[in-house]
C-alpha atoms as a PDB file:
ATOM      1  CA  MET A   1     -22.425 -60.703  52.924  1.00  0.00           C
ATOM      2  CA  SER A   2     -19.563 -58.774  54.822  1.00  0.00           C
ATOM      3  CA  ARG A   3     -19.285 -54.712  53.925  1.00  0.00           C
ATOM      4  CA  PHE A   4     -16.759 -52.630  52.722  1.00  0.00           C
ATOM      5  CA  LEU A   5     -15.096 -50.633  54.970  1.00  0.00           C
ATOM      6  CA  PHE A   6     -12.692 -48.185  53.190  1.00  0.00           C
ATOM      7  CA  PRO A   7      -8.686 -48.383  53.806  1.00  0.00           C
ATOM      8  CA  ARG A   8      -7.526 -46.563  56.745  1.00  0.00           C
ATOM      9  CA  TRP A   9      -4.718 -44.304  54.228  1.00  0.00           C
ATOM     10  CA  SER A  10      -8.344 -43.374  52.585  1.00  0.00           C
ATOM     11  CA  ASN A  11      -9.061 -40.880  56.419  1.00  0.00           C
ATOM     12  CA  ALA A  12      -5.353 -38.549  54.976  1.00  0.00           C
ATOM     13  CA  LEU A  13      -7.613 -38.417  51.915  1.00  0.00           C
ATOM     14  CA  LEU A  14     -11.035 -36.321  53.604  1.00  0.00           C
ATOM     15  CA  PRO A  15      -9.478 -32.253  54.001  1.00  0.00           C
ATOM     16  CA  PHE A  16      -8.528 -33.046  50.819  1.00  0.00           C
ATOM     17  CA  ILE A  17     -11.518 -33.348  50.207  1.00  0.00           C
ATOM     18  CA  LEU A  18     -13.200 -30.426  51.787  1.00  0.00           C
ATOM     19  CA  ILE A  19     -10.947 -28.193  51.056  1.00  0.00           C
ATOM     20  CA  VAL A  20     -11.979 -29.030  46.694  1.00  0.00           C
ATOM     21  CA  GLY A  21     -15.318 -29.282  47.749  1.00  0.00           C
ATOM     22  CA  ALA A  22     -15.386 -25.616  49.682  1.00  0.00           C
ATOM     23  CA  THR A  23     -12.882 -24.130  46.639  1.00  0.00           C
ATOM     24  CA  ALA A  24     -14.765 -25.218  44.297  1.00  0.00           C
ATOM     25  CA  PRO A  25     -17.558 -23.610  43.760  1.00  0.00           C
ATOM     26  CA  LEU A  26     -15.528 -19.196  43.674  1.00  0.00           C
ATOM     27  CA  TYR A  27     -12.788 -21.325  41.175  1.00  0.00           C
ATOM     28  CA  ALA A  28     -16.037 -21.986  38.918  1.00  0.00           C
ATOM     29  CA  VAL A  29     -17.511 -18.467  39.630  1.00  0.00           C
ATOM     30  CA  LEU A  30     -14.060 -16.611  38.701  1.00  0.00           C
ATOM     31  CA  ILE A  31     -13.922 -19.106  35.411  1.00  0.00           C
ATOM     32  CA  VAL A  32     -17.667 -18.212  34.601  1.00  0.00           C
ATOM     33  CA  ALA A  33     -17.015 -14.200  35.854  1.00  0.00           C
ATOM     34  CA  TYR A  34     -13.319 -13.741  33.710  1.00  0.00           C
ATOM     35  CA  GLY A  35     -15.032 -16.042  30.182  1.00  0.00           C
ATOM     36  CA  PHE A  36     -17.938 -13.875  30.010  1.00  0.00           C
ATOM     37  CA  SER A  37     -15.650 -10.089  30.919  1.00  0.00           C
ATOM     38  CA  PRO A  38     -15.098  -7.698  28.605  1.00  0.00           C
ATOM     39  CA  LYS A  39     -10.978  -8.118  27.799  1.00  0.00           C
ATOM     40  CA  THR A  40     -12.630 -11.880  27.003  1.00  0.00           C
ATOM     41  CA  LEU A  41     -15.989 -11.522  24.803  1.00  0.00           C
ATOM     42  CA  ASP A  42     -17.592  -7.987  25.291  1.00  0.00           C
ATOM     43  CA  GLY A  43     -16.941  -5.391  23.464  1.00  0.00           C
ATOM     44  CA  GLN A  44     -14.896  -1.895  25.048  1.00  0.00           C
ATOM     45  CA  TYR A  45     -11.810  -3.539  25.825  1.00  0.00           C
ATOM     46  CA  ALA A  46      -9.432  -1.385  26.115  1.00  0.00           C
ATOM     47  CA  PRO A  47      -5.806  -1.956  27.541  1.00  0.00           C
ATOM     48  CA  ILE A  48      -3.841   1.140  28.264  1.00  0.00           C
ATOM     49  CA  GLN A  49      -0.597   0.148  25.238  1.00  0.00           C
ATOM     50  CA  PRO A  50       3.014   0.438  26.142  1.00  0.00           C
ATOM     51  CA  VAL A  51       2.919   3.539  24.185  1.00  0.00           C
ATOM     52  CA  PRO A  52      -0.204   5.806  23.509  1.00  0.00           C
ATOM     53  CA  TYR A  53      -0.730   5.924  20.124  1.00  0.00           C
ATOM     54  CA  SER A  54      -3.646   7.931  18.894  1.00  0.00           C
ATOM     55  CA  HIS A  55      -5.713   7.090  15.962  1.00  0.00           C
ATOM     56  CA  ALA A  56      -8.099   9.474  16.149  1.00  0.00           C
ATOM     57  CA  LEU A  57      -5.411  11.128  15.919  1.00  0.00           C
ATOM     58  CA  HIS A  58      -3.082   9.753  12.448  1.00  0.00           C
ATOM     59  CA  VAL A  59      -5.245   8.637  11.391  1.00  0.00           C
ATOM     60  CA  GLY A  60      -9.125  10.931  11.699  1.00  0.00           C
ATOM     61  CA  LYS A  61      -7.027  13.977  11.470  1.00  0.00           C
ATOM     62  CA  LEU A  62      -3.672  13.400   9.640  1.00  0.00           C
ATOM     63  CA  GLY A  63      -5.881  11.050   7.345  1.00  0.00           C
ATOM     64  CA  LEU A  64      -3.292   8.055   7.797  1.00  0.00           C
ATOM     65  CA  ASP A  65      -3.998   5.123   5.535  1.00  0.00           C
ATOM     66  CA  CYS A  66      -4.329   1.160   6.895  1.00  0.00           C
ATOM     67  CA  ARG A  67      -2.254  -0.489   5.049  1.00  0.00           C
ATOM     68  CA  TYR A  68       0.742   2.311   6.361  1.00  0.00           C
ATOM     69  CA  CYS A  69       1.070   0.479   9.133  1.00  0.00           C
ATOM     70  CA  HIS A  70      -0.863  -2.808   8.450  1.00  0.00           C
ATOM     71  CA  ASN A  71       0.753  -3.286   5.223  1.00  0.00           C
ATOM     72  CA  THR A  72      -0.021  -6.912   5.105  1.00  0.00           C
ATOM     73  CA  VAL A  73      -3.716  -6.965   5.647  1.00  0.00           C
ATOM     74  CA  GLU A  74      -4.471  -7.929   2.006  1.00  0.00           C
ATOM     75  CA  THR A  75      -2.062 -10.302   1.881  1.00  0.00           C
ATOM     76  CA  THR A  76      -1.842 -12.314   4.299  1.00  0.00           C
ATOM     77  CA  SER A  77      -4.627 -13.460   7.263  1.00  0.00           C
ATOM     78  CA  HIS A  78      -2.727 -11.212  10.123  1.00  0.00           C
ATOM     79  CA  ALA A  79      -2.649  -8.529   9.960  1.00  0.00           C
ATOM     80  CA  ALA A  80       0.624  -7.570  10.737  1.00  0.00           C
ATOM     81  CA  VAL A  81       1.637  -4.504  13.478  1.00  0.00           C
ATOM     82  CA  PRO A  82       4.377  -1.705  12.224  1.00  0.00           C
ATOM     83  CA  PRO A  83       7.700  -2.530  12.851  1.00  0.00           C
ATOM     84  CA  THR A  84       9.577   0.553  15.073  1.00  0.00           C
ATOM     85  CA  GLN A  85      11.137   1.802  12.203  1.00  0.00           C
ATOM     86  CA  THR A  86       7.217   2.013   9.926  1.00  0.00           C
ATOM     87  CA  CYS A  87       7.256   4.880  13.767  1.00  0.00           C
ATOM     88  CA  MET A  88      10.290   6.948  13.153  1.00  0.00           C
ATOM     89  CA  ASN A  89       9.811   7.108   9.045  1.00  0.00           C
ATOM     90  CA  CYS A  90       7.607  10.354  10.684  1.00  0.00           C
ATOM     91  CA  HIS A  91       9.071  10.500  14.608  1.00  0.00           C
ATOM     92  CA  THR A  92      13.135  11.208  13.084  1.00  0.00           C
ATOM     93  CA  GLN A  93      11.778  14.677  12.314  1.00  0.00           C
ATOM     94  CA  ILE A  94       8.326  14.753  14.492  1.00  0.00           C
ATOM     95  CA  HIS A  95       8.422  15.075  18.233  1.00  0.00           C
ATOM     96  CA  ARG A  96      11.786  14.366  18.260  1.00  0.00           C
ATOM     97  CA  GLU A  97      11.959  14.405  22.033  1.00  0.00           C
ATOM     98  CA  SER A  98       8.366  13.363  22.862  1.00  0.00           C
ATOM     99  CA  PRO A  99       8.969  11.530  25.997  1.00  0.00           C
ATOM    100  CA  LYS A 100       5.233   9.666  24.047  1.00  0.00           C
ATOM    101  CA  LEU A 101       7.721   8.752  22.259  1.00  0.00           C
ATOM    102  CA  ALA A 102      10.862   7.503  24.396  1.00  0.00           C
ATOM    103  CA  LYS A 103      10.040   3.652  23.679  1.00  0.00           C
ATOM    104  CA  VAL A 104       9.522   4.238  21.369  1.00  0.00           C
ATOM    105  CA  ARG A 105      13.108   5.702  20.286  1.00  0.00           C
ATOM    106  CA  GLU A 106      14.418   3.201  22.524  1.00  0.00           C
ATOM    107  CA  SER A 107      12.710   0.252  20.699  1.00  0.00           C
ATOM    108  CA  TYR A 108      14.659   1.949  17.837  1.00  0.00           C
ATOM    109  CA  GLU A 109      18.155   1.703  19.417  1.00  0.00           C
ATOM    110  CA  THR A 110      17.424  -1.304  20.791  1.00  0.00           C
ATOM    111  CA  GLY A 111      16.618  -3.322  18.337  1.00  0.00           C
ATOM    112  CA  MET A 112      14.024  -5.100  21.088  1.00  0.00           C
ATOM    113  CA  PRO A 113       9.747  -4.209  19.684  1.00  0.00           C
ATOM    114  CA  ILE A 114       7.613  -2.447  21.724  1.00  0.00           C
ATOM    115  CA  GLU A 115       5.479  -4.872  23.394  1.00  0.00           C
ATOM    116  CA  TRP A 116       1.893  -3.945  22.178  1.00  0.00           C
ATOM    117  CA  ILE A 117      -1.334  -5.840  23.690  1.00  0.00           C
ATOM    118  CA  LYS A 118      -3.444  -7.474  21.736  1.00  0.00           C
ATOM    119  CA  VAL A 119      -6.588  -5.682  21.208  1.00  0.00           C
ATOM    120  CA  HIS A 120      -9.035  -8.725  18.982  1.00  0.00           C
ATOM    121  CA  LYS A 121      -8.077 -11.010  20.147  1.00  0.00           C
ATOM    122  CA  LEU A 122     -10.547 -14.399  18.929  1.00  0.00           C
ATOM    123  CA  GLY A 123     -10.720 -17.622  20.352  1.00  0.00           C
ATOM    124  CA  ASP A 124      -8.500 -20.867  19.653  1.00  0.00           C
ATOM    125  CA  TYR A 125     -11.245 -22.729  18.029  1.00  0.00           C
ATOM    126  CA  ALA A 126     -12.040 -20.376  15.445  1.00  0.00           C
ATOM    127  CA  TYR A 127      -9.967 -19.849  12.002  1.00  0.00           C
ATOM    128  CA  PHE A 128     -10.323 -15.512  10.643  1.00  0.00           C
ATOM    129  CA  ASN A 129      -7.959 -14.459   6.885  1.00  0.00           C
ATOM    130  CA  HIS A 130      -8.368 -10.537   7.063  1.00  0.00           C
ATOM    131  CA  SER A 131      -7.436 -10.636   3.572  1.00  0.00           C
ATOM    132  CA  ALA A 132     -10.358 -13.654   2.593  1.00  0.00           C
ATOM    133  CA  HIS A 133     -12.796 -10.611   4.269  1.00  0.00           C
ATOM    134  CA  VAL A 134     -10.991  -6.914   2.796  1.00  0.00           C
ATOM    135  CA  THR A 135     -10.917  -8.157  -1.175  1.00  0.00           C
ATOM    136  CA  ARG A 136     -14.129  -9.465  -0.638  1.00  0.00           C
ATOM    137  CA  GLY A 137     -15.409  -5.645   0.343  1.00  0.00           C
ATOM    138  CA  VAL A 138     -16.168  -6.157   3.750  1.00  0.00           C
ATOM    139  CA  GLY A 139     -14.587  -2.917   5.604  1.00  0.00           C
ATOM    140  CA  CYS A 140     -12.149  -2.462   8.440  1.00  0.00           C
ATOM    141  CA  VAL A 141     -15.498  -0.203  10.060  1.00  0.00           C
ATOM    142  CA  GLU A 142     -17.274  -3.094  10.463  1.00  0.00           C
ATOM    143  CA  CYS A 143     -15.511  -5.386  12.347  1.00  0.00           C
ATOM    144  CA  HIS A 144     -13.026  -2.262  13.547  1.00  0.00           C
ATOM    145  CA  GLY A 145     -15.714   0.232  13.862  1.00  0.00           C
ATOM    146  CA  ARG A 146     -14.538   3.503  13.940  1.00  0.00           C
ATOM    147  CA  VAL A 147     -10.985   4.089  14.915  1.00  0.00           C
ATOM    148  CA  ASP A 148     -10.101   6.790  12.945  1.00  0.00           C
ATOM    149  CA  GLN A 149     -11.710   8.289  16.399  1.00  0.00           C
ATOM    150  CA  MET A 150     -10.417   6.562  18.872  1.00  0.00           C
ATOM    151  CA  GLU A 151      -7.611   8.301  21.248  1.00  0.00           C
ATOM    152  CA  VAL A 152      -7.546   3.753  22.838  1.00  0.00           C
ATOM    153  CA  VAL A 153      -8.446   1.022  20.524  1.00  0.00           C
ATOM    154  CA  GLN A 154     -11.421  -0.468  21.918  1.00  0.00           C
ATOM    155  CA  ARG A 155     -13.018  -3.713  20.940  1.00  0.00           C
ATOM    156  CA  ALA A 156     -15.949  -1.997  19.446  1.00  0.00           C
ATOM    157  CA  VAL A 157     -17.629  -6.252  18.747  1.00  0.00           C
ATOM    158  CA  PRO A 158     -17.798  -9.208  21.430  1.00  0.00           C
ATOM    159  CA  LEU A 159     -15.796 -11.562  17.858  1.00  0.00           C
ATOM    160  CA  SER A 160     -18.048 -14.694  19.043  1.00  0.00           C
ATOM    161  CA  MET A 161     -18.921 -17.313  16.892  1.00  0.00           C
ATOM    162  CA  GLY A 162     -22.452 -16.499  16.955  1.00  0.00           C
ATOM    163  CA  TRP A 163     -21.273 -12.336  15.377  1.00  0.00           C
ATOM    164  CA  CYS A 164     -19.343 -14.130  13.691  1.00  0.00           C
ATOM    165  CA  LEU A 165     -21.883 -16.169  12.106  1.00  0.00           C
ATOM    166  CA  GLU A 166     -25.355 -13.454  12.211  1.00  0.00           C
ATOM    167  CA  CYS A 167     -22.459 -11.462   9.419  1.00  0.00           C
ATOM    168  CA  HIS A 168     -22.213 -14.543   7.601  1.00  0.00           C
ATOM    169  CA  ARG A 169     -26.062 -15.518   7.679  1.00  0.00           C
ATOM    170  CA  ASN A 170     -26.560 -11.426   7.099  1.00  0.00           C
ATOM    171  CA  ALA A 171     -23.276 -10.999   4.571  1.00  0.00           C
ATOM    172  CA  GLU A 172     -25.622  -8.437   1.912  1.00  0.00           C
ATOM    173  CA  ASP A 173     -25.828  -6.660   5.208  1.00  0.00           C
ATOM    174  CA  HIS A 174     -21.670  -5.809   5.634  1.00  0.00           C
ATOM    175  CA  VAL A 175     -19.898  -5.344   2.118  1.00  0.00           C
ATOM    176  CA  ARG A 176     -18.806  -2.661   0.400  1.00  0.00           C
ATOM    177  CA  PRO A 177     -16.381  -1.649  -3.030  1.00  0.00           C
ATOM    178  CA  PRO A 178     -13.544  -2.447  -2.526  1.00  0.00           C
ATOM    179  CA  ALA A 179     -12.048   1.014  -2.760  1.00  0.00           C
ATOM    180  CA  GLU A 180     -14.350   1.673  -0.350  1.00  0.00           C
ATOM    181  CA  VAL A 181     -12.901  -1.508   1.695  1.00  0.00           C
ATOM    182  CA  PHE A 182     -10.885   1.106   3.468  1.00  0.00           C
ATOM    183  CA  ASN A 183     -13.545   3.497   4.231  1.00  0.00           C
ATOM    184  CA  LEU A 184     -13.331   4.110   7.838  1.00  0.00           C
ATOM    185  CA  SER A 185     -15.662   7.619   7.443  1.00  0.00           C
ATOM    186  CA  LYS A 186     -18.634   5.832   5.054  1.00  0.00           C
ATOM    187  CA  PRO A 187     -21.594   3.453   6.418  1.00  0.00           C
ATOM    188  CA  THR A 188     -22.220   0.706   4.545  1.00  0.00           C
ATOM    189  CA  SER A 189     -25.354   1.596   4.484  1.00  0.00           C
ATOM    190  CA  ASP A 190     -24.708   3.944   2.107  1.00  0.00           C
ATOM    191  CA  TRP A 191     -24.935   1.908  -0.809  1.00  0.00           C
ATOM    192  CA  THR A 192     -28.658   0.224  -1.484  1.00  0.00           C
ATOM    193  CA  LYS A 193     -29.450  -2.670  -1.234  1.00  0.00           C
ATOM    194  CA  ASP A 194     -29.548  -4.069  -4.890  1.00  0.00           C
ATOM    195  CA  GLU A 195     -25.976  -2.000  -4.536  1.00  0.00           C
ATOM    196  CA  ARG A 196     -24.841  -4.172  -2.464  1.00  0.00           C
ATOM    197  CA  LEU A 197     -26.673  -8.600  -3.005  1.00  0.00           C
ATOM    198  CA  GLY A 198     -24.741  -6.884  -7.083  1.00  0.00           C
ATOM    199  CA  LEU A 199     -21.673  -7.216  -4.928  1.00  0.00           C
ATOM    200  CA  ILE A 200     -22.374 -10.285  -3.521  1.00  0.00           C
ATOM    201  CA  ARG A 201     -21.733 -11.722  -6.443  1.00  0.00           C
ATOM    202  CA  LYS A 202     -19.280 -10.290  -8.288  1.00  0.00           C
ATOM    203  CA  TYR A 203     -17.377 -11.162  -5.260  1.00  0.00           C
ATOM    204  CA  ASP A 204     -19.501 -14.642  -5.193  1.00  0.00           C
ATOM    205  CA  ILE A 205     -20.349 -15.307  -1.949  1.00  0.00           C
ATOM    206  CA  HIS A 206     -22.739 -17.253  -1.155  1.00  0.00           C
ATOM    207  CA  PRO A 207     -24.221 -16.348   2.808  1.00  0.00           C
ATOM    208  CA  SER A 208     -26.227 -19.463   2.599  1.00  0.00           C
ATOM    209  CA  GLU A 209     -23.184 -22.501   2.611  1.00  0.00           C
ATOM    210  CA  ASN A 210     -20.094 -22.735   4.981  1.00  0.00           C
ATOM    211  CA  CYS A 211     -17.348 -20.827   5.268  1.00  0.00           C
ATOM    212  CA  SER A 212     -15.082 -22.456   3.422  1.00  0.00           C
ATOM    213  CA  THR A 213     -16.482 -20.312   0.803  1.00  0.00           C
ATOM    214  CA  CYS A 214     -14.930 -17.572   1.453  1.00  0.00           C
ATOM    215  CA  HIS A 215     -11.769 -20.010   2.476  1.00  0.00           C
ATOM    216  CA  ARG A 216     -10.693 -21.754  -0.911  1.00  0.00           C
END
């Protein structure tokens, strides 16, 4: 039986095979490092935004309601990023010449939106509806942390699939009365276990079932 001989042109593949073999481990390390970096997984991801907006000042000190800027949070799946006009409702009169607001004024004059950097990004495999959670008593603080104390907004929780499922399994630990959903300073533990279980029944939440219960 004759031996199989590779064709002569296959010799040209040898350098390519060596390069792939040498770089593949490095590629794998980089992919894993990126996948487990704070930007993609952990809390603490806090990118520098094009405009230094302080939630600690606007929300914590001045008492601005979350819904003034994120005005679609109760009715749609996304919490809208406010248009420049929302900022200028106040800043046509307040700190009109502040250098920190230069990009806000430029956006207002040109009509081009400010390119905010997304902080709370879910995996492409996940669908999250803000209105379904907010209208069932899940407070902003459960996912976003004490935004009213943040000079720079950061991701407070992992937002991983495991974290979401754990919240659904223990839904009674994360619900509050409708009037308190946007109260960032009051922890959910302020309500007794029985009160929270009553809210679970009121909202018709079934933790043992799948996520479609909230998205029907």
